[in-house]
PDB file of N, CA and C in Angstrom:
ATOM      1  N   MET A   1       1.162  -1.141  -0.413  1.00  0.00           N
ATOM      2  CA  MET A   1       0.068  -0.015   0.150  1.00  0.00           C
ATOM      3  C   MET A   1       1.122   0.963  -0.027  1.00  0.00           C
ATOM      4  N   THR A   2       0.547   2.029  -1.006  1.00  0.00           N
ATOM      5  CA  THR A   2       1.171   3.171  -0.918  1.00  0.00           C
ATOM      6  C   THR A   2       0.857   4.924  -1.022  1.00  0.00           C
ATOM      7  N   VAL A   3      -0.252   4.914   0.615  1.00  0.00           N
ATOM      8  CA  VAL A   3      -1.554   5.815   1.064  1.00  0.00           C
ATOM      9  C   VAL A   3      -1.027   6.695   1.524  1.00  0.00           C
ATOM     10  N   PRO A   4      -0.481   7.820   1.447  1.00  0.00           N
ATOM     11  CA  PRO A   4      -0.016   8.867   2.254  1.00  0.00           C
ATOM     12  C   PRO A   4      -0.934   8.788   3.651  1.00  0.00           C
ATOM     13  N   GLY A   5       0.413   8.703   4.972  1.00  0.00           N
ATOM     14  CA  GLY A   5      -0.495   9.005   6.026  1.00  0.00           C
ATOM     15  C   GLY A   5      -0.661   7.884   6.888  1.00  0.00           C
ATOM     16  N   SER A   6      -0.745   7.650   7.994  1.00  0.00           N
ATOM     17  CA  SER A   6      -0.545   6.408   8.778  1.00  0.00           C
ATOM     18  C   SER A   6      -2.087   5.975   9.482  1.00  0.00           C
ATOM     19  N   ILE A   7      -2.521   6.992   9.284  1.00  0.00           N
ATOM     20  CA  ILE A   7      -3.796   6.763   9.866  1.00  0.00           C
ATOM     21  C   ILE A   7      -4.733   6.046   8.546  1.00  0.00           C
ATOM     22  N   ASN A   8      -4.369   6.538   7.472  1.00  0.00           N
ATOM     23  CA  ASN A   8      -5.090   5.934   6.579  1.00  0.00           C
ATOM     24  C   ASN A   8      -4.939   4.759   6.185  1.00  0.00           C
ATOM     25  N   GLN A   9      -3.239   4.198   6.165  1.00  0.00           N
ATOM     26  CA  GLN A   9      -2.679   3.216   6.089  1.00  0.00           C
ATOM     27  C   GLN A   9      -3.611   2.328   7.361  1.00  0.00           C
ATOM     28  N   GLU A  10      -3.469   2.753   8.431  1.00  0.00           N
ATOM     29  CA  GLU A  10      -4.070   1.625   9.515  1.00  0.00           C
ATOM     30  C   GLU A  10      -5.412   1.318   9.245  1.00  0.00           C
ATOM     31  N   SER A  11      -5.837   2.149   8.631  1.00  0.00           N
ATOM     32  CA  SER A  11      -7.515   2.320   8.625  1.00  0.00           C
ATOM     33  C   SER A  11      -7.852   0.826   7.737  1.00  0.00           C
ATOM     34  N   ILE A  12      -7.250   1.107   6.464  1.00  0.00           N
ATOM     35  CA  ILE A  12      -6.805   0.011   5.237  1.00  0.00           C
ATOM     36  C   ILE A  12      -6.278  -1.509   5.381  1.00  0.00           C
ATOM     37  N   ILE A  13      -5.272  -1.462   6.309  1.00  0.00           N
ATOM     38  CA  ILE A  13      -5.105  -2.267   6.909  1.00  0.00           C
ATOM     39  C   ILE A  13      -6.308  -3.532   7.778  1.00  0.00           C
ATOM     40  N   MET A  14      -6.696  -2.196   8.558  1.00  0.00           N
ATOM     41  CA  MET A  14      -7.422  -3.037   9.596  1.00  0.00           C
ATOM     42  C   MET A  14      -8.830  -3.707   8.523  1.00  0.00           C
ATOM     43  N   ASN A  15      -9.304  -2.806   7.697  1.00  0.00           N
ATOM     44  CA  ASN A  15     -10.838  -2.794   6.905  1.00  0.00           C
ATOM     45  C   ASN A  15     -10.016  -4.664   5.988  1.00  0.00           C
ATOM     46  N   SER A  16      -8.849  -4.284   5.365  1.00  0.00           N
ATOM     47  CA  SER A  16      -8.390  -5.532   4.740  1.00  0.00           C
ATOM     48  C   SER A  16      -8.163  -6.650   5.452  1.00  0.00           C
ATOM     49  N   LYS A  17      -7.847  -6.441   6.346  1.00  0.00           N
ATOM     50  CA  LYS A  17      -7.689  -7.668   7.007  1.00  0.00           C
ATOM     51  C   LYS A  17      -9.178  -8.309   7.982  1.00  0.00           C
ATOM     52  N   LYS A  18     -10.359  -7.718   8.096  1.00  0.00           N
ATOM     53  CA  LYS A  18     -11.155  -8.284   8.017  1.00  0.00           C
ATOM     54  C   LYS A  18     -12.375  -9.045   7.096  1.00  0.00           C
ATOM     55  N   LEU A  19     -11.738  -8.000   6.123  1.00  0.00           N
ATOM     56  CA  LEU A  19     -12.182  -8.914   4.745  1.00  0.00           C
ATOM     57  C   LEU A  19     -11.766 -10.038   4.260  1.00  0.00           C
ATOM     58  N   ASN A  20     -10.339  -9.907   4.472  1.00  0.00           N
ATOM     59  CA  ASN A  20      -9.706 -11.250   4.013  1.00  0.00           C
ATOM     60  C   ASN A  20      -8.027 -11.679   5.034  1.00  0.00           C
ATOM     61  N   PRO A  21      -8.586 -12.451   6.042  1.00  0.00           N
ATOM     62  CA  PRO A  21      -7.613 -12.746   7.087  1.00  0.00           C
ATOM     63  C   PRO A  21      -6.067 -13.203   6.572  1.00  0.00           C
ATOM     64  N   LYS A  22      -6.263 -13.487   5.579  1.00  0.00           N
ATOM     65  CA  LYS A  22      -5.225 -14.464   4.564  1.00  0.00           C
ATOM     66  C   LYS A  22      -4.965 -13.391   4.690  1.00  0.00           C
ATOM     67  N   ILE A  23      -4.587 -11.949   3.695  1.00  0.00           N
ATOM     68  CA  ILE A  23      -4.318 -11.303   2.516  1.00  0.00           C
ATOM     69  C   ILE A  23      -2.710 -10.926   2.901  1.00  0.00           C
ATOM     70  N   TYR A  24      -1.853 -10.728   1.511  1.00  0.00           N
ATOM     71  CA  TYR A  24      -0.679 -10.600   2.191  1.00  0.00           C
ATOM     72  C   TYR A  24      -0.541  -8.731   2.453  1.00  0.00           C
ATOM     73  N   ILE A  25      -0.297  -8.383   3.298  1.00  0.00           N
ATOM     74  CA  ILE A  25      -0.109  -6.483   3.241  1.00  0.00           C
ATOM     75  C   ILE A  25       1.578  -6.501   2.695  1.00  0.00           C
ATOM     76  N   ILE A  26       1.601  -5.199   1.893  1.00  0.00           N
ATOM     77  CA  ILE A  26       3.132  -4.927   2.141  1.00  0.00           C
ATOM     78  C   ILE A  26       2.857  -3.505   2.432  1.00  0.00           C
ATOM     79  N   SER A  27       3.531  -2.733   3.005  1.00  0.00           N
ATOM     80  CA  SER A  27       3.475  -1.684   3.341  1.00  0.00           C
ATOM     81  C   SER A  27       4.379  -0.423   3.325  1.00  0.00           C
ATOM     82  N   ARG A  28       4.528   0.896   2.822  1.00  0.00           N
ATOM     83  CA  ARG A  28       5.430   1.869   2.709  1.00  0.00           C
ATOM     84  C   ARG A  28       5.081   2.398   4.088  1.00  0.00           C
ATOM     85  N   VAL A  29       6.243   2.665   4.808  1.00  0.00           N
ATOM     86  CA  VAL A  29       6.753   3.669   6.216  1.00  0.00           C
ATOM     87  C   VAL A  29       7.844   4.525   6.253  1.00  0.00           C
ATOM     88  N   HIS A  30       7.439   5.063   6.866  1.00  0.00           N
ATOM     89  CA  HIS A  30       8.878   6.181   6.870  1.00  0.00           C
ATOM     90  C   HIS A  30       9.775   6.658   8.293  1.00  0.00           C
ATOM     91  N   ASN A  31       9.162   5.550   9.582  1.00  0.00           N
ATOM     92  CA  ASN A  31      10.249   5.808  10.995  1.00  0.00           C
ATOM     93  C   ASN A  31       9.267   4.010  11.264  1.00  0.00           C
ATOM     94  N   ILE A  32      10.525   4.147  12.136  1.00  0.00           N
ATOM     95  CA  ILE A  32      10.329   2.431  13.301  1.00  0.00           C
ATOM     96  C   ILE A  32       9.456   2.270  13.339  1.00  0.00           C
ATOM     97  N   ASP A  33       7.868   3.767  14.305  1.00  0.00           N
ATOM     98  CA  ASP A  33       7.694   3.729  14.681  1.00  0.00           C
ATOM     99  C   ASP A  33       6.210   2.855  14.123  1.00  0.00           C
ATOM    100  N   ASP A  34       5.937   3.812  12.865  1.00  0.00           N
ATOM    101  CA  ASP A  34       5.092   3.144  11.835  1.00  0.00           C
ATOM    102  C   ASP A  34       5.415   1.710  11.700  1.00  0.00           C
ATOM    103  N   GLN A  35       6.226   1.478  11.116  1.00  0.00           N
ATOM    104  CA  GLN A  35       6.901   0.239  10.990  1.00  0.00           C
ATOM    105  C   GLN A  35       6.061  -1.002  11.955  1.00  0.00           C
ATOM    106  N   ARG A  36       6.433  -0.331  13.224  1.00  0.00           N
ATOM    107  CA  ARG A  36       6.049  -1.164  14.462  1.00  0.00           C
ATOM    108  C   ARG A  36       4.421  -1.629  14.389  1.00  0.00           C
ATOM    109  N   ARG A  37       4.013  -0.604  14.324  1.00  0.00           N
ATOM    110  CA  ARG A  37       2.358   0.051  14.634  1.00  0.00           C
ATOM    111  C   ARG A  37       1.627  -0.973  12.968  1.00  0.00           C
ATOM    112  N   LEU A  38       2.016  -0.837  11.413  1.00  0.00           N
ATOM    113  CA  LEU A  38       1.319  -1.275  10.992  1.00  0.00           C
ATOM    114  C   LEU A  38       1.475  -2.293  10.659  1.00  0.00           C
ATOM    115  N   ILE A  39       2.910  -3.228  11.137  1.00  0.00           N
ATOM    116  CA  ILE A  39       3.374  -5.139  11.907  1.00  0.00           C
ATOM    117  C   ILE A  39       2.221  -4.968  12.552  1.00  0.00           C
ATOM    118  N   ASP A  40       1.810  -4.521  13.616  1.00  0.00           N
ATOM    119  CA  ASP A  40       1.106  -4.912  14.675  1.00  0.00           C
ATOM    120  C   ASP A  40      -0.163  -5.305  14.590  1.00  0.00           C
ATOM    121  N   LEU A  41      -0.492  -4.552  13.162  1.00  0.00           N
ATOM    122  CA  LEU A  41      -2.040  -4.364  13.266  1.00  0.00           C
ATOM    123  C   LEU A  41      -2.195  -5.406  11.706  1.00  0.00           C
ATOM    124  N   GLY A  42      -1.110  -6.208  10.959  1.00  0.00           N
ATOM    125  CA  GLY A  42      -1.218  -6.924  10.169  1.00  0.00           C
ATOM    126  C   GLY A  42      -0.803  -6.612   8.511  1.00  0.00           C
ATOM    127  N   ALA A  43       0.232  -5.891   8.888  1.00  0.00           N
ATOM    128  CA  ALA A  43       1.017  -5.695   7.010  1.00  0.00           C
ATOM    129  C   ALA A  43       1.926  -6.448   7.756  1.00  0.00           C
ATOM    130  N   LYS A  44       2.696  -7.069   6.562  1.00  0.00           N
ATOM    131  CA  LYS A  44       2.657  -8.766   6.599  1.00  0.00           C
ATOM    132  C   LYS A  44       4.525  -8.032   6.311  1.00  0.00           C
ATOM    133  N   SER A  45       4.977  -6.826   5.343  1.00  0.00           N
ATOM    134  CA  SER A  45       6.384  -6.492   5.531  1.00  0.00           C
ATOM    135  C   SER A  45       6.198  -4.966   4.557  1.00  0.00           C
ATOM    136  N   VAL A  46       7.577  -4.561   5.210  1.00  0.00           N
ATOM    137  CA  VAL A  46       7.281  -3.067   5.371  1.00  0.00           C
ATOM    138  C   VAL A  46       8.092  -2.870   4.269  1.00  0.00           C
ATOM    139  N   VAL A  47       8.017  -1.429   3.410  1.00  0.00           N
ATOM    140  CA  VAL A  47       9.161  -0.951   2.699  1.00  0.00           C
ATOM    141  C   VAL A  47       9.580   0.770   3.295  1.00  0.00           C
ATOM    142  N   ARG A  48      10.606   0.998   3.812  1.00  0.00           N
ATOM    143  CA  ARG A  48      11.117   2.279   4.281  1.00  0.00           C
ATOM    144  C   ARG A  48      11.862   2.947   2.854  1.00  0.00           C
ATOM    145  N   PRO A  49      11.301   3.612   1.905  1.00  0.00           N
ATOM    146  CA  PRO A  49      12.048   4.277   0.951  1.00  0.00           C
ATOM    147  C   PRO A  49      13.279   5.317   1.257  1.00  0.00           C
ATOM    148  N   GLU A  50      13.690   5.593   2.463  1.00  0.00           N
ATOM    149  CA  GLU A  50      14.498   6.008   2.393  1.00  0.00           C
ATOM    150  C   GLU A  50      15.586   5.082   2.681  1.00  0.00           C
ATOM    151  N   ILE A  51      15.393   4.268   3.008  1.00  0.00           N
ATOM    152  CA  ILE A  51      16.333   3.184   3.123  1.00  0.00           C
ATOM    153  C   ILE A  51      17.251   2.408   2.106  1.00  0.00           C
ATOM    154  N   GLU A  52      15.567   2.030   0.777  1.00  0.00           N
ATOM    155  CA  GLU A  52      15.798   1.532  -0.571  1.00  0.00           C
ATOM    156  C   GLU A  52      16.754   2.552  -0.966  1.00  0.00           C
ATOM    157  N   ALA A  53      16.414   3.909  -0.880  1.00  0.00           N
ATOM    158  CA  ALA A  53      16.864   4.192  -1.921  1.00  0.00           C
ATOM    159  C   ALA A  53      18.651   4.555  -1.366  1.00  0.00           C
ATOM    160  N   SER A  54      19.232   4.612   0.109  1.00  0.00           N
ATOM    161  CA  SER A  54      20.255   4.185   0.569  1.00  0.00           C
ATOM    162  C   SER A  54      21.081   3.190  -0.026  1.00  0.00           C
ATOM    163  N   LEU A  55      19.885   2.077   0.056  1.00  0.00           N
ATOM    164  CA  LEU A  55      20.853   0.676  -0.304  1.00  0.00           C
ATOM    165  C   LEU A  55      21.301   0.668  -2.286  1.00  0.00           C
ATOM    166  N   SER A  56      20.581   1.357  -3.078  1.00  0.00           N
ATOM    167  CA  SER A  56      20.286   1.610  -4.143  1.00  0.00           C
ATOM    168  C   SER A  56      22.267   2.254  -4.133  1.00  0.00           C
ATOM    169  N   ILE A  57      22.106   3.465  -3.485  1.00  0.00           N
ATOM    170  CA  ILE A  57      23.012   4.069  -3.433  1.00  0.00           C
ATOM    171  C   ILE A  57      24.505   4.007  -3.697  1.00  0.00           C
ATOM    172  N   ILE A  58      24.764   3.274  -1.787  1.00  0.00           N
ATOM    173  CA  ILE A  58      25.802   2.242  -1.502  1.00  0.00           C
ATOM    174  C   ILE A  58      25.925   0.752  -3.302  1.00  0.00           C
ATOM    175  N   LYS A  59      24.979   0.011  -3.449  1.00  0.00           N
ATOM    176  CA  LYS A  59      25.262  -0.703  -4.670  1.00  0.00           C
ATOM    177  C   LYS A  59      25.767  -0.051  -5.905  1.00  0.00           C
ATOM    178  N   LYS A  60      25.582   0.924  -6.177  1.00  0.00           N
ATOM    179  CA  LYS A  60      26.463   1.986  -7.231  1.00  0.00           C
ATOM    180  C   LYS A  60      28.083   2.118  -6.704  1.00  0.00           C
ATOM    181  N   ILE A  61      28.051   2.783  -5.621  1.00  0.00           N
ATOM    182  CA  ILE A  61      29.275   2.581  -4.979  1.00  0.00           C
ATOM    183  C   ILE A  61      30.397   1.200  -5.495  1.00  0.00           C
ATOM    184  N   PHE A  62      29.363   0.315  -4.721  1.00  0.00           N
ATOM    185  CA  PHE A  62      29.972  -1.140  -4.908  1.00  0.00           C
ATOM    186  C   PHE A  62      30.642  -1.066  -6.743  1.00  0.00           C
ATOM    187  N   LEU A  63      29.044  -0.712  -7.223  1.00  0.00           N
ATOM    188  CA  LEU A  63      29.890  -1.148  -8.940  1.00  0.00           C
ATOM    189  C   LEU A  63      30.629  -0.313  -9.790  1.00  0.00           C
ATOM    190  N   LEU A  64      30.819   1.450  -8.981  1.00  0.00           N
ATOM    191  CA  LEU A  64      32.286   1.504  -9.650  1.00  0.00           C
ATOM    192  C   LEU A  64      33.280   0.736  -8.788  1.00  0.00           C
ATOM    193  N   ARG A  65      33.215   0.292  -7.650  1.00  0.00           N
ATOM    194  CA  ARG A  65      34.722   0.458  -6.797  1.00  0.00           C
ATOM    195  C   ARG A  65      35.043  -1.119  -7.715  1.00  0.00           C
ATOM    196  N   LYS A  66      34.256  -1.746  -8.656  1.00  0.00           N
ATOM    197  CA  LYS A  66      34.345  -3.516  -9.419  1.00  0.00           C
ATOM    198  C   LYS A  66      34.098  -4.509  -8.592  1.00  0.00           C
ATOM    199  N   MET A  67      33.752  -4.331  -7.840  1.00  0.00           N
ATOM    200  CA  MET A  67      33.149  -5.300  -7.031  1.00  0.00           C
ATOM    201  C   MET A  67      32.379  -6.475  -8.009  1.00  0.00           C
ATOM    202  N   SER A  68      32.232  -7.533  -7.086  1.00  0.00           N
ATOM    203  CA  SER A  68      31.581  -8.702  -8.402  1.00  0.00           C
ATOM    204  C   SER A  68      30.094  -8.858  -7.154  1.00  0.00           C
ATOM    205  N   LYS A  69      29.330  -8.859  -8.668  1.00  0.00           N
ATOM    206  CA  LYS A  69      28.072  -8.997  -8.271  1.00  0.00           C
ATOM    207  C   LYS A  69      27.353 -10.047  -6.843  1.00  0.00           C
ATOM    208  N   ASP A  70      28.198 -10.969  -6.748  1.00  0.00           N
ATOM    209  CA  ASP A  70      27.875 -11.553  -5.026  1.00  0.00           C
ATOM    210  C   ASP A  70      28.166 -11.217  -4.449  1.00  0.00           C
ATOM    211  N   GLU A  71      29.592 -10.311  -4.476  1.00  0.00           N
ATOM    212  CA  GLU A  71      30.094  -9.820  -2.661  1.00  0.00           C
ATOM    213  C   GLU A  71      28.713  -8.599  -2.999  1.00  0.00           C
ATOM    214  N   ILE A  72      28.566  -7.890  -4.203  1.00  0.00           N
ATOM    215  CA  ILE A  72      27.422  -6.786  -3.628  1.00  0.00           C
ATOM    216  C   ILE A  72      26.254  -7.242  -2.868  1.00  0.00           C
ATOM    217  N   ILE A  73      25.729  -8.471  -3.765  1.00  0.00           N
ATOM    218  CA  ILE A  73      24.192  -9.322  -2.721  1.00  0.00           C
ATOM    219  C   ILE A  73      24.651  -9.659  -1.485  1.00  0.00           C
ATOM    220  N   LYS A  74      26.040 -10.055  -0.975  1.00  0.00           N
ATOM    221  CA  LYS A  74      26.328 -10.500   0.100  1.00  0.00           C
ATOM    222  C   LYS A  74      26.350  -8.942   1.294  1.00  0.00           C
ATOM    223  N   ARG A  75      26.893  -7.845   0.562  1.00  0.00           N
ATOM    224  CA  ARG A  75      27.190  -7.139   1.512  1.00  0.00           C
ATOM    225  C   ARG A  75      25.664  -6.522   1.930  1.00  0.00           C
ATOM    226  N   ILE A  76      24.689  -6.164   0.682  1.00  0.00           N
ATOM    227  CA  ILE A  76      23.507  -5.293   0.932  1.00  0.00           C
ATOM    228  C   ILE A  76      23.082  -6.994   1.319  1.00  0.00           C
ATOM    229  N   GLN A  77      23.424  -8.057   1.360  1.00  0.00           N
ATOM    230  CA  GLN A  77      21.666  -8.790   2.233  1.00  0.00           C
ATOM    231  C   GLN A  77      22.685  -8.440   3.583  1.00  0.00           C
ATOM    232  N   HIS A  78      23.305  -8.088   4.087  1.00  0.00           N
ATOM    233  CA  HIS A  78      23.842  -8.279   4.894  1.00  0.00           C
ATOM    234  C   HIS A  78      23.513  -6.497   5.572  1.00  0.00           C
ATOM    235  N   LEU A  79      23.209  -5.278   4.847  1.00  0.00           N
ATOM    236  CA  LEU A  79      23.162  -4.041   5.545  1.00  0.00           C
ATOM    237  C   LEU A  79      21.892  -4.027   5.658  1.00  0.00           C
ATOM    238  N   ARG A  80      20.984  -5.314   4.658  1.00  0.00           N
ATOM    239  CA  ARG A  80      19.660  -5.208   5.609  1.00  0.00           C
ATOM    240  C   ARG A  80      19.430  -6.065   6.618  1.00  0.00           C
ATOM    241  N   LEU A  81      19.921  -7.321   6.812  1.00  0.00           N
ATOM    242  CA  LEU A  81      19.412  -8.194   8.448  1.00  0.00           C
ATOM    243  C   LEU A  81      20.176  -6.952   9.447  1.00  0.00           C
ATOM    244  N   ILE A  82      20.668  -6.254   9.654  1.00  0.00           N
ATOM    245  CA  ILE A  82      21.705  -4.923  10.382  1.00  0.00           C
ATOM    246  C   ILE A  82      20.424  -3.989  10.637  1.00  0.00           C
ATOM    247  N   ARG A  83      20.031  -4.108   9.220  1.00  0.00           N
ATOM    248  CA  ARG A  83      18.226  -2.577  10.079  1.00  0.00           C
ATOM    249  C   ARG A  83      17.565  -3.675  10.248  1.00  0.00           C
ATOM    250  N   THR A  84      17.133  -4.581   9.762  1.00  0.00           N
ATOM    251  CA  THR A  84      16.078  -5.810  10.720  1.00  0.00           C
ATOM    252  C   THR A  84      16.162  -5.727  12.074  1.00  0.00           C
ATOM    253  N   LEU A  85      17.128  -5.741  12.216  1.00  0.00           N
ATOM    254  CA  LEU A  85      18.168  -6.372  13.617  1.00  0.00           C
ATOM    255  C   LEU A  85      17.630  -5.435  14.736  1.00  0.00           C
ATOM    256  N   ALA A  86      17.956  -4.301  13.794  1.00  0.00           N
ATOM    257  CA  ALA A  86      18.040  -3.143  14.435  1.00  0.00           C
ATOM    258  C   ALA A  86      16.609  -2.585  15.227  1.00  0.00           C
TER     259      ALA A  86
END
């Protein structure tokens, strides 16, 4: 879901879960508090655009440094893991 505003997102998640408890919801968030709240309400996955943009920039830097594709994937996965654990 990419609607702006956490109140709208919360409403959509709650109503969607009522209509289909098995629905897989992916939501966009901008901070950790919203991330926790939307997951608590039933979002299965969240995307933080600022984080994704940062990882994209890092990937481009790695490419400029002529790192192998496997090494880039490994490092990006490591950064994603660190972000998930934070």
